[in-house]
Amino acid sequence: MIDFDAASMLLQWSAGGLLFLWVTTRRREVSLGYGWLMRGTYLLMAAGAFYIGQFVIEPMPVRDYASLLTAVAAAVALGSSILRRKAGVSGQSALAESRSERVAEMTGIDRAVAVKDESVREFDPRLDLVAPAFGFIGVIAAGLEAGGPAWLSVARFVTGALFLGCVTDAMLLGHWYLVQPGLARGALLELVRWTMWLWIPEVVLLLVPTGMVSAINGTIDDGYNGLLTWFWIMCAVTTIGLVITTRLALKERAYSAVMAATGLLYLAIMTAFGTDLVARALLS
């Protein structure tokens, strides 16, 4: 059996989300505001993990101070992005300029191009890797301290962080298309693909004994006559079903397909958390 607590869960969520933020920002297509939103959100989660670990539950120094460093690194990246905001985002600017040129060729109407400060260097997406690097140190430490087979515990903690972070980022990026409607779908498709692939190790590792297989065959009593076990099965199956449906929706050319995909991801994030958290609760 493997222990689980709120501080570790918040750090997992923050570390995974910040890593997949880099997966998106490295493309240099999404506007700066998306990065500000994500860094600020995960910064608060990491800070919450530090507070809970140090002042609410039994402290775990490596995990707790890794959480603090994660929050600080996210704040530094956020500050750097804000300071360099006048440089804009190269991919976004290039796309806007090319579309303006096509409109001008077809209609003869010139559209003013957004002014950017050439003297300011663009934000370096590699800064977004520092925070999750600290975060995963804490996640691994939490896994080693959680009990059970060390390899299984660490694997579950790391995979859970990646899975929850990826599906969360995908859902929030889908909403960002309302703010940046001209954004290409490549960034969202990439996160959807990662979510599909991460679902496999996430479920497999939770099934490994002592795991959900033990709950399914009755070795572990969930306390609700098997209801929680069936709920976990439905969450796991529904999650991959929703993600596959999201991928199919994004094949449609209409802009409304992106909004449909976002709604599906909104449901997927709830079932994904059910897949992870219900299993953790039963196996802790």
C-alpha atoms as a PDB file:
ATOM      1  CA  MET A   1       0.000   0.000   0.000  1.00  0.00           C
ATOM      2  CA  ILE A   2       1.267   3.486  -0.891  1.00  0.00           C
ATOM      3  CA  ASP A   3       0.539   6.598   1.181  1.00  0.00           C
ATOM      4  CA  PHE A   4      -0.807   9.714  -0.494  1.00  0.00           C
ATOM      5  CA  ASP A   5      -1.341  13.276   0.757  1.00  0.00           C
ATOM      6  CA  ALA A   6      -2.494  16.688  -0.433  1.00  0.00           C
ATOM      7  CA  ALA A   7       0.990  18.251  -0.522  1.00  0.00           C
ATOM      8  CA  SER A   8       2.320  15.541  -2.824  1.00  0.00           C
ATOM      9  CA  MET A   9      -0.759  15.734  -5.024  1.00  0.00           C
ATOM     10  CA  LEU A  10      -0.486  19.514  -5.465  1.00  0.00           C
ATOM     11  CA  LEU A  11       3.213  19.230  -6.269  1.00  0.00           C
ATOM     12  CA  GLN A  12       2.508  16.492  -8.821  1.00  0.00           C
ATOM     13  CA  TRP A  13      -0.158  18.593 -10.499  1.00  0.00           C
ATOM     14  CA  SER A  14       2.090  21.655 -10.548  1.00  0.00           C
ATOM     15  CA  ALA A  15       5.191  19.848 -11.834  1.00  0.00           C
ATOM     16  CA  GLY A  16       3.325  18.054 -14.617  1.00  0.00           C
ATOM     17  CA  GLY A  17       1.436  21.161 -15.653  1.00  0.00           C
ATOM     18  CA  LEU A  18       4.582  23.280 -15.789  1.00  0.00           C
ATOM     19  CA  LEU A  19       6.410  20.676 -17.870  1.00  0.00           C
ATOM     20  CA  PHE A  20       3.643  20.577 -20.463  1.00  0.00           C
ATOM     21  CA  LEU A  21       3.504  24.360 -20.403  1.00  0.00           C
ATOM     22  CA  TRP A  22       7.029  24.205 -21.853  1.00  0.00           C
ATOM     23  CA  VAL A  23       5.807  21.693 -24.451  1.00  0.00           C
ATOM     24  CA  THR A  24       3.425  24.422 -25.611  1.00  0.00           C
ATOM     25  CA  THR A  25       5.573  27.559 -25.177  1.00  0.00           C
ATOM     26  CA  ARG A  26       8.540  26.036 -27.025  1.00  0.00           C
ATOM     27  CA  ARG A  27       6.400  26.173 -30.191  1.00  0.00           C
ATOM     28  CA  ARG A  28       6.347  30.005 -29.922  1.00  0.00           C
ATOM     29  CA  GLU A  29       2.779  30.160 -31.198  1.00  0.00           C
ATOM     30  CA  VAL A  30       0.580  30.815 -28.152  1.00  0.00           C
ATOM     31  CA  SER A  31       0.320  34.382 -26.886  1.00  0.00           C
ATOM     32  CA  LEU A  32       2.109  35.467 -23.724  1.00  0.00           C
ATOM     33  CA  GLY A  33      -1.066  35.655 -21.677  1.00  0.00           C
ATOM     34  CA  TYR A  34      -1.467  31.878 -21.741  1.00  0.00           C
ATOM     35  CA  GLY A  35       1.937  31.439 -20.146  1.00  0.00           C
ATOM     36  CA  TRP A  36       1.147  34.062 -17.519  1.00  0.00           C
ATOM     37  CA  LEU A  37      -2.071  32.279 -16.613  1.00  0.00           C
ATOM     38  CA  MET A  38      -0.432  28.861 -16.359  1.00  0.00           C
ATOM     39  CA  ARG A  39       2.659  29.947 -14.446  1.00  0.00           C
ATOM     40  CA  GLY A  40       0.564  31.914 -11.976  1.00  0.00           C
ATOM     41  CA  THR A  41      -1.813  28.998 -11.430  1.00  0.00           C
ATOM     42  CA  TYR A  42       0.866  26.361 -10.929  1.00  0.00           C
ATOM     43  CA  LEU A  43       2.966  28.747  -8.852  1.00  0.00           C
ATOM     44  CA  LEU A  44       0.103  28.946  -6.361  1.00  0.00           C
ATOM     45  CA  MET A  45      -0.282  25.149  -6.367  1.00  0.00           C
ATOM     46  CA  ALA A  46       3.408  24.646  -5.629  1.00  0.00           C
ATOM     47  CA  ALA A  47       3.276  27.249  -2.872  1.00  0.00           C
ATOM     48  CA  GLY A  48       0.216  25.474  -1.458  1.00  0.00           C
ATOM     49  CA  ALA A  49       2.110  22.178  -1.506  1.00  0.00           C
ATOM     50  CA  PHE A  50       4.922  23.784   0.493  1.00  0.00           C
ATOM     51  CA  TYR A  51       2.530  25.275   3.052  1.00  0.00           C
ATOM     52  CA  ILE A  52       0.571  22.053   3.546  1.00  0.00           C
ATOM     53  CA  GLY A  53       3.729  19.973   3.751  1.00  0.00           C
ATOM     54  CA  GLN A  54       5.389  22.219   6.300  1.00  0.00           C
ATOM     55  CA  PHE A  55       2.498  23.414   8.444  1.00  0.00           C
ATOM     56  CA  VAL A  56      -0.475  21.053   8.028  1.00  0.00           C
ATOM     57  CA  ILE A  57       0.845  17.507   7.711  1.00  0.00           C
ATOM     58  CA  GLU A  58       4.076  15.807   8.703  1.00  0.00           C
ATOM     59  CA  PRO A  59       6.926  17.656   6.953  1.00  0.00           C
ATOM     60  CA  MET A  60       8.998  15.997   4.241  1.00  0.00           C
ATOM     61  CA  PRO A  61      11.960  18.363   3.693  1.00  0.00           C
ATOM     62  CA  VAL A  62      12.991  17.342   0.160  1.00  0.00           C
ATOM     63  CA  ARG A  63       9.427  17.419  -1.170  1.00  0.00           C
ATOM     64  CA  ASP A  64       8.489  20.592   0.671  1.00  0.00           C
ATOM     65  CA  TYR A  65      11.526  22.658  -0.305  1.00  0.00           C
ATOM     66  CA  ALA A  66      11.350  21.340  -3.857  1.00  0.00           C
ATOM     67  CA  SER A  67       7.782  22.715  -3.868  1.00  0.00           C
ATOM     68  CA  LEU A  68       9.082  26.086  -2.693  1.00  0.00           C
ATOM     69  CA  LEU A  69      11.788  26.139  -5.366  1.00  0.00           C
ATOM     70  CA  THR A  70       9.190  25.178  -7.976  1.00  0.00           C
ATOM     71  CA  ALA A  71       7.076  28.171  -6.987  1.00  0.00           C
ATOM     72  CA  VAL A  72      10.104  30.498  -7.040  1.00  0.00           C
ATOM     73  CA  ALA A  73      11.286  29.240 -10.448  1.00  0.00           C
ATOM     74  CA  ALA A  74       7.775  29.643 -11.885  1.00  0.00           C
ATOM     75  CA  ALA A  75       7.683  33.193 -10.504  1.00  0.00           C
ATOM     76  CA  VAL A  76      11.048  33.991 -12.108  1.00  0.00           C
ATOM     77  CA  ALA A  77       9.848  32.670 -15.483  1.00  0.00           C
ATOM     78  CA  LEU A  78       6.634  34.666 -15.112  1.00  0.00           C
ATOM     79  CA  GLY A  79       8.559  37.809 -14.291  1.00  0.00           C
ATOM     80  CA  SER A  80      10.898  37.321 -17.250  1.00  0.00           C
ATOM     81  CA  SER A  81       7.963  36.842 -19.613  1.00  0.00           C
ATOM     82  CA  ILE A  82       6.283  40.019 -18.352  1.00  0.00           C
ATOM     83  CA  LEU A  83       9.488  42.051 -18.661  1.00  0.00           C
ATOM     84  CA  ARG A  84      10.023  40.837 -22.235  1.00  0.00           C
ATOM     85  CA  ARG A  85       6.389  41.175 -23.301  1.00  0.00           C
ATOM     86  CA  LYS A  86       7.149  43.954 -25.819  1.00  0.00           C
ATOM     87  CA  ALA A  87       9.142  41.469 -27.901  1.00  0.00           C
ATOM     88  CA  GLY A  88       5.977  39.449 -28.481  1.00  0.00           C
ATOM     89  CA  VAL A  89       5.967  35.813 -29.627  1.00  0.00           C
ATOM     90  CA  SER A  90       7.792  35.120 -32.895  1.00  0.00           C
ATOM     91  CA  GLY A  91       5.499  32.388 -34.197  1.00  0.00           C
ATOM     92  CA  GLN A  92       2.347  34.301 -33.357  1.00  0.00           C
ATOM     93  CA  SER A  93       3.691  37.469 -35.006  1.00  0.00           C
ATOM     94  CA  ALA A  94       4.783  35.623 -38.147  1.00  0.00           C
ATOM     95  CA  LEU A  95       1.354  33.996 -38.504  1.00  0.00           C
ATOM     96  CA  ALA A  96      -0.453  37.317 -38.046  1.00  0.00           C
ATOM     97  CA  GLU A  97       1.764  39.000 -40.640  1.00  0.00           C
ATOM     98  CA  SER A  98       1.305  36.238 -43.212  1.00  0.00           C
ATOM     99  CA  ARG A  99      -2.471  36.316 -42.780  1.00  0.00           C
ATOM    100  CA  SER A 100      -2.505  40.114 -43.095  1.00  0.00           C
ATOM    101  CA  GLU A 101      -0.562  39.831 -46.341  1.00  0.00           C
ATOM    102  CA  ARG A 102      -3.070  37.330 -47.752  1.00  0.00           C
ATOM    103  CA  VAL A 103      -5.984  39.569 -46.779  1.00  0.00           C
ATOM    104  CA  ALA A 104      -4.275  42.549 -48.389  1.00  0.00           C
ATOM    105  CA  GLU A 105      -3.671  40.577 -51.605  1.00  0.00           C
ATOM    106  CA  MET A 106      -7.315  39.493 -51.805  1.00  0.00           C
ATOM    107  CA  THR A 107      -9.019  42.706 -50.737  1.00  0.00           C
ATOM    108  CA  GLY A 108      -6.467  45.460 -51.157  1.00  0.00           C
ATOM    109  CA  ILE A 109      -7.032  46.446 -47.540  1.00  0.00           C
ATOM    110  CA  ASP A 110      -3.844  46.768 -45.513  1.00  0.00           C
ATOM    111  CA  ARG A 111      -4.034  45.831 -41.874  1.00  0.00           C
ATOM    112  CA  ALA A 112      -1.671  47.428 -39.393  1.00  0.00           C
ATOM    113  CA  VAL A 113       0.796  44.946 -37.972  1.00  0.00           C
ATOM    114  CA  ALA A 114       1.228  44.868 -34.212  1.00  0.00           C
ATOM    115  CA  VAL A 115       4.277  46.868 -33.171  1.00  0.00           C
ATOM    116  CA  LYS A 116       6.993  44.941 -31.353  1.00  0.00           C
ATOM    117  CA  ASP A 117      10.190  46.177 -29.775  1.00  0.00           C
ATOM    118  CA  GLU A 118      13.095  44.694 -31.731  1.00  0.00           C
ATOM    119  CA  SER A 119      15.557  45.819 -29.052  1.00  0.00           C
ATOM    120  CA  VAL A 120      14.035  43.436 -26.472  1.00  0.00           C
ATOM    121  CA  ARG A 121      14.859  39.744 -26.610  1.00  0.00           C
ATOM    122  CA  GLU A 122      11.942  37.340 -26.760  1.00  0.00           C
ATOM    123  CA  PHE A 123      11.142  35.266 -23.667  1.00  0.00           C
ATOM    124  CA  ASP A 124      13.201  32.057 -23.664  1.00  0.00           C
ATOM    125  CA  PRO A 125      10.847  29.043 -23.237  1.00  0.00           C
ATOM    126  CA  ARG A 126      13.700  27.039 -21.719  1.00  0.00           C
ATOM    127  CA  LEU A 127      13.088  28.971 -18.499  1.00  0.00           C
ATOM    128  CA  ASP A 128       9.859  26.994 -18.217  1.00  0.00           C
ATOM    129  CA  LEU A 129      11.907  23.822 -17.684  1.00  0.00           C
ATOM    130  CA  VAL A 130      13.511  24.980 -14.420  1.00  0.00           C
ATOM    131  CA  ALA A 131      10.359  24.875 -12.283  1.00  0.00           C
ATOM    132  CA  PRO A 132       9.264  21.347 -13.282  1.00  0.00           C
ATOM    133  CA  ALA A 133      12.853  20.119 -12.806  1.00  0.00           C
ATOM    134  CA  PHE A 134      12.638  21.141  -9.144  1.00  0.00           C
ATOM    135  CA  GLY A 135       9.091  19.836  -8.987  1.00  0.00           C
ATOM    136  CA  PHE A 136       9.936  16.338 -10.133  1.00  0.00           C
ATOM    137  CA  ILE A 137      12.742  16.107  -7.590  1.00  0.00           C
ATOM    138  CA  GLY A 138      10.068  16.610  -4.948  1.00  0.00           C
ATOM    139  CA  VAL A 139       7.679  14.195  -6.674  1.00  0.00           C
ATOM    140  CA  ILE A 140      10.327  11.450  -6.705  1.00  0.00           C
ATOM    141  CA  ALA A 141      11.149  12.139  -3.053  1.00  0.00           C
ATOM    142  CA  ALA A 142       7.466  11.889  -2.150  1.00  0.00           C
ATOM    143  CA  GLY A 143       7.225   8.603  -4.031  1.00  0.00           C
ATOM    144  CA  LEU A 144      10.216   7.160  -2.174  1.00  0.00           C
ATOM    145  CA  GLU A 145       8.681   8.133   1.165  1.00  0.00           C
ATOM    146  CA  ALA A 146       5.195   6.856   0.338  1.00  0.00           C
ATOM    147  CA  GLY A 147       5.899   3.206   1.126  1.00  0.00           C
ATOM    148  CA  GLY A 148       5.279   0.088  -0.926  1.00  0.00           C
ATOM    149  CA  PRO A 149       7.722  -1.063  -3.622  1.00  0.00           C
ATOM    150  CA  ALA A 150       9.927   1.979  -4.298  1.00  0.00           C
ATOM    151  CA  TRP A 151       9.907   1.581  -8.089  1.00  0.00           C
ATOM    152  CA  LEU A 152       6.111   1.284  -8.217  1.00  0.00           C
ATOM    153  CA  SER A 153       5.528   4.192  -5.892  1.00  0.00           C
ATOM    154  CA  VAL A 154       7.874   6.517  -7.780  1.00  0.00           C
ATOM    155  CA  ALA A 155       6.495   5.386 -11.144  1.00  0.00           C
ATOM    156  CA  ARG A 156       2.922   6.083 -10.026  1.00  0.00           C
ATOM    157  CA  PHE A 157       3.810   9.508  -8.653  1.00  0.00           C
ATOM    158  CA  VAL A 158       5.765  10.585 -11.738  1.00  0.00           C
ATOM    159  CA  THR A 159       3.261   9.188 -14.242  1.00  0.00           C
ATOM    160  CA  GLY A 160       0.358  10.687 -12.295  1.00  0.00           C
ATOM    161  CA  ALA A 161       2.066  14.085 -12.387  1.00  0.00           C
ATOM    162  CA  LEU A 162       2.555  13.887 -16.148  1.00  0.00           C
ATOM    163  CA  PHE A 163      -0.962  12.603 -16.813  1.00  0.00           C
ATOM    164  CA  LEU A 164      -2.815  15.142 -14.673  1.00  0.00           C
ATOM    165  CA  GLY A 165      -0.607  18.017 -15.806  1.00  0.00           C
ATOM    166  CA  CYS A 166      -1.068  17.171 -19.481  1.00  0.00           C
ATOM    167  CA  VAL A 167      -4.855  16.809 -19.421  1.00  0.00           C
ATOM    168  CA  THR A 168      -5.168  20.030 -17.397  1.00  0.00           C
ATOM    169  CA  ASP A 169      -2.999  21.980 -19.830  1.00  0.00           C
ATOM    170  CA  ALA A 170      -4.939  20.585 -22.782  1.00  0.00           C
ATOM    171  CA  MET A 171      -8.245  21.700 -21.277  1.00  0.00           C
ATOM    172  CA  LEU A 172      -6.954  25.193 -20.463  1.00  0.00           C
ATOM    173  CA  LEU A 173      -5.309  25.579 -23.860  1.00  0.00           C
ATOM    174  CA  GLY A 174      -8.605  24.661 -25.500  1.00  0.00           C
ATOM    175  CA  HIS A 175     -10.233  27.536 -23.625  1.00  0.00           C
ATOM    176  CA  TRP A 176      -7.411  29.844 -24.737  1.00  0.00           C
ATOM    177  CA  TYR A 177      -8.659  29.572 -28.336  1.00  0.00           C
ATOM    178  CA  LEU A 178     -11.466  31.902 -27.257  1.00  0.00           C
ATOM    179  CA  VAL A 179      -8.797  34.508 -26.502  1.00  0.00           C
ATOM    180  CA  GLN A 180      -6.605  33.687 -29.516  1.00  0.00           C
ATOM    181  CA  PRO A 181      -9.009  32.324 -32.161  1.00  0.00           C
ATOM    182  CA  GLY A 182      -6.416  32.358 -34.957  1.00  0.00           C
ATOM    183  CA  LEU A 183      -4.157  29.923 -33.120  1.00  0.00           C
ATOM    184  CA  ALA A 184      -3.288  26.820 -35.128  1.00  0.00           C
ATOM    185  CA  ARG A 185      -4.457  23.488 -33.727  1.00  0.00           C
ATOM    186  CA  GLY A 186      -1.017  21.922 -33.593  1.00  0.00           C
ATOM    187  CA  ALA A 187      -0.374  22.929 -29.977  1.00  0.00           C
ATOM    188  CA  LEU A 188      -3.671  21.444 -28.779  1.00  0.00           C
ATOM    189  CA  LEU A 189      -3.284  18.290 -30.875  1.00  0.00           C
ATOM    190  CA  GLU A 190       0.130  17.707 -29.335  1.00  0.00           C
ATOM    191  CA  LEU A 191      -1.260  17.790 -25.794  1.00  0.00           C
ATOM    192  CA  VAL A 192      -4.158  15.526 -26.765  1.00  0.00           C
ATOM    193  CA  ARG A 193      -1.713  12.980 -28.199  1.00  0.00           C
ATOM    194  CA  TRP A 194       0.408  13.094 -25.056  1.00  0.00           C
ATOM    195  CA  THR A 195      -2.700  12.558 -22.918  1.00  0.00           C
ATOM    196  CA  MET A 196      -3.654   9.505 -24.971  1.00  0.00           C
ATOM    197  CA  TRP A 197      -0.217   7.942 -24.603  1.00  0.00           C
ATOM    198  CA  LEU A 198       0.110   8.767 -20.889  1.00  0.00           C
ATOM    199  CA  TRP A 199      -3.249   7.149 -20.123  1.00  0.00           C
ATOM    200  CA  ILE A 200      -1.681   3.738 -20.820  1.00  0.00           C
ATOM    201  CA  PRO A 201       1.076   3.759 -18.141  1.00  0.00           C
ATOM    202  CA  GLU A 202      -1.215   5.639 -15.749  1.00  0.00           C
ATOM    203  CA  VAL A 203      -3.833   2.857 -15.766  1.00  0.00           C
ATOM    204  CA  VAL A 204      -1.345  -0.017 -16.023  1.00  0.00           C
ATOM    205  CA  LEU A 205       0.665   1.178 -13.013  1.00  0.00           C
ATOM    206  CA  LEU A 206      -2.498   1.597 -10.953  1.00  0.00           C
ATOM    207  CA  LEU A 207      -3.469  -1.976 -11.797  1.00  0.00           C
ATOM    208  CA  VAL A 208      -0.115  -3.502 -10.761  1.00  0.00           C
ATOM    209  CA  PRO A 209      -0.533  -5.401  -7.438  1.00  0.00           C
ATOM    210  CA  THR A 210      -1.038  -4.229  -4.854  1.00  0.00           C
ATOM    211  CA  GLY A 211      -3.260  -2.165  -7.096  1.00  0.00           C
ATOM    212  CA  MET A 212      -6.724  -1.843  -8.551  1.00  0.00           C
ATOM    213  CA  VAL A 213      -6.600  -5.464  -9.672  1.00  0.00           C
ATOM    214  CA  SER A 214      -6.768  -6.305  -5.958  1.00  0.00           C
ATOM    215  CA  ALA A 215      -9.863  -4.128  -5.597  1.00  0.00           C
ATOM    216  CA  ILE A 216     -11.488  -5.644  -8.674  1.00  0.00           C
ATOM    217  CA  ASN A 217     -10.994  -9.239  -7.501  1.00  0.00           C
ATOM    218  CA  GLY A 218     -12.136  -8.385  -3.956  1.00  0.00           C
ATOM    219  CA  THR A 219      -8.797  -8.729  -2.160  1.00  0.00           C
ATOM    220  CA  ILE A 220      -9.137  -5.087  -1.103  1.00  0.00           C
ATOM    221  CA  ASP A 221     -12.498  -3.936   0.265  1.00  0.00           C
ATOM    222  CA  ASP A 222     -13.350  -0.443  -0.960  1.00  0.00           C
ATOM    223  CA  GLY A 223     -15.869  -0.042   1.863  1.00  0.00           C
ATOM    224  CA  TYR A 224     -18.795   0.554  -0.487  1.00  0.00           C
ATOM    225  CA  ASN A 225     -19.552  -2.973  -1.724  1.00  0.00           C
ATOM    226  CA  GLY A 226     -17.465  -2.454  -4.848  1.00  0.00           C
ATOM    227  CA  LEU A 227     -19.061   0.866  -5.853  1.00  0.00           C
ATOM    228  CA  LEU A 228     -15.790   2.830  -5.758  1.00  0.00           C
ATOM    229  CA  THR A 229     -14.041   0.132  -7.757  1.00  0.00           C
ATOM    230  CA  TRP A 230     -16.662   0.295 -10.495  1.00  0.00           C
ATOM    231  CA  PHE A 231     -16.507   4.084 -10.367  1.00  0.00           C
ATOM    232  CA  TRP A 232     -12.740   3.877 -10.981  1.00  0.00           C
ATOM    233  CA  ILE A 233     -13.242   1.526 -13.931  1.00  0.00           C
ATOM    234  CA  MET A 234     -15.810   3.877 -15.474  1.00  0.00           C
ATOM    235  CA  CYS A 235     -13.505   6.886 -14.953  1.00  0.00           C
ATOM    236  CA  ALA A 236     -10.583   5.107 -16.628  1.00  0.00           C
ATOM    237  CA  VAL A 237     -12.628   3.916 -19.610  1.00  0.00           C
ATOM    238  CA  THR A 238     -14.474   7.208 -20.000  1.00  0.00           C
ATOM    239  CA  THR A 239     -11.243   9.220 -19.911  1.00  0.00           C
ATOM    240  CA  ILE A 240      -9.674   7.475 -22.884  1.00  0.00           C
ATOM    241  CA  GLY A 241     -13.007   7.530 -24.692  1.00  0.00           C
ATOM    242  CA  LEU A 242     -13.281  11.293 -24.245  1.00  0.00           C
ATOM    243  CA  VAL A 243      -9.691  11.887 -25.334  1.00  0.00           C
ATOM    244  CA  ILE A 244     -10.137   9.792 -28.495  1.00  0.00           C
ATOM    245  CA  THR A 245     -13.383  11.646 -29.251  1.00  0.00           C
ATOM    246  CA  THR A 246     -11.540  14.946 -28.744  1.00  0.00           C
ATOM    247  CA  ARG A 247      -8.927  13.868 -31.284  1.00  0.00           C
ATOM    248  CA  LEU A 248     -11.657  12.985 -33.771  1.00  0.00           C
ATOM    249  CA  ALA A 249     -13.422  16.300 -33.180  1.00  0.00           C
ATOM    250  CA  LEU A 250     -10.242  18.213 -33.996  1.00  0.00           C
ATOM    251  CA  LYS A 251     -10.175  16.625 -37.443  1.00  0.00           C
ATOM    252  CA  GLU A 252     -13.155  18.791 -38.394  1.00  0.00           C
ATOM    253  CA  ARG A 253     -12.189  22.049 -40.092  1.00  0.00           C
ATOM    254  CA  ALA A 254     -14.839  24.260 -38.506  1.00  0.00           C
ATOM    255  CA  TYR A 255     -13.770  26.487 -35.613  1.00  0.00           C
ATOM    256  CA  SER A 256     -16.657  25.085 -33.582  1.00  0.00           C
ATOM    257  CA  ALA A 257     -14.756  21.778 -33.508  1.00  0.00           C
ATOM    258  CA  VAL A 258     -12.183  23.372 -31.204  1.00  0.00           C
ATOM    259  CA  MET A 259     -14.924  24.448 -28.824  1.00  0.00           C
ATOM    260  CA  ALA A 260     -16.421  20.956 -28.916  1.00  0.00           C
ATOM    261  CA  ALA A 261     -12.994  19.501 -28.182  1.00  0.00           C
ATOM    262  CA  THR A 262     -12.603  21.884 -25.247  1.00  0.00           C
ATOM    263  CA  GLY A 263     -15.905  20.746 -23.777  1.00  0.00           C
ATOM    264  CA  LEU A 264     -14.848  17.118 -24.115  1.00  0.00           C
ATOM    265  CA  LEU A 265     -11.543  17.895 -22.407  1.00  0.00           C
ATOM    266  CA  TYR A 266     -13.419  19.613 -19.600  1.00  0.00           C
ATOM    267  CA  LEU A 267     -15.185  16.301 -18.959  1.00  0.00           C
ATOM    268  CA  ALA A 268     -11.947  14.354 -19.459  1.00  0.00           C
ATOM    269  CA  ILE A 269     -10.141  16.280 -16.750  1.00  0.00           C
ATOM    270  CA  MET A 270     -12.795  15.267 -14.222  1.00  0.00           C
ATOM    271  CA  THR A 271     -12.695  11.599 -15.178  1.00  0.00           C
ATOM    272  CA  ALA A 272      -8.881  11.701 -15.308  1.00  0.00           C
ATOM    273  CA  PHE A 273      -8.744  12.957 -11.738  1.00  0.00           C
ATOM    274  CA  GLY A 274     -11.241  10.269 -10.793  1.00  0.00           C
ATOM    275  CA  THR A 275      -8.954   7.680 -12.374  1.00  0.00           C
ATOM    276  CA  ASP A 276      -5.964   8.857 -10.358  1.00  0.00           C
ATOM    277  CA  LEU A 277      -7.426  10.010  -7.047  1.00  0.00           C
ATOM    278  CA  VAL A 278      -9.963   7.238  -6.474  1.00  0.00           C
ATOM    279  CA  ALA A 279      -7.245   4.639  -6.981  1.00  0.00           C
ATOM    280  CA  ARG A 280      -4.879   6.527  -4.656  1.00  0.00           C
ATOM    281  CA  ALA A 281      -7.566   6.712  -1.987  1.00  0.00           C
ATOM    282  CA  LEU A 282      -8.337   2.985  -2.189  1.00  0.00           C
ATOM    283  CA  LEU A 283      -4.687   1.950  -2.236  1.00  0.00           C
ATOM    284  CA  SER A 284      -3.408   4.264   0.514  1.00  0.00           C
END
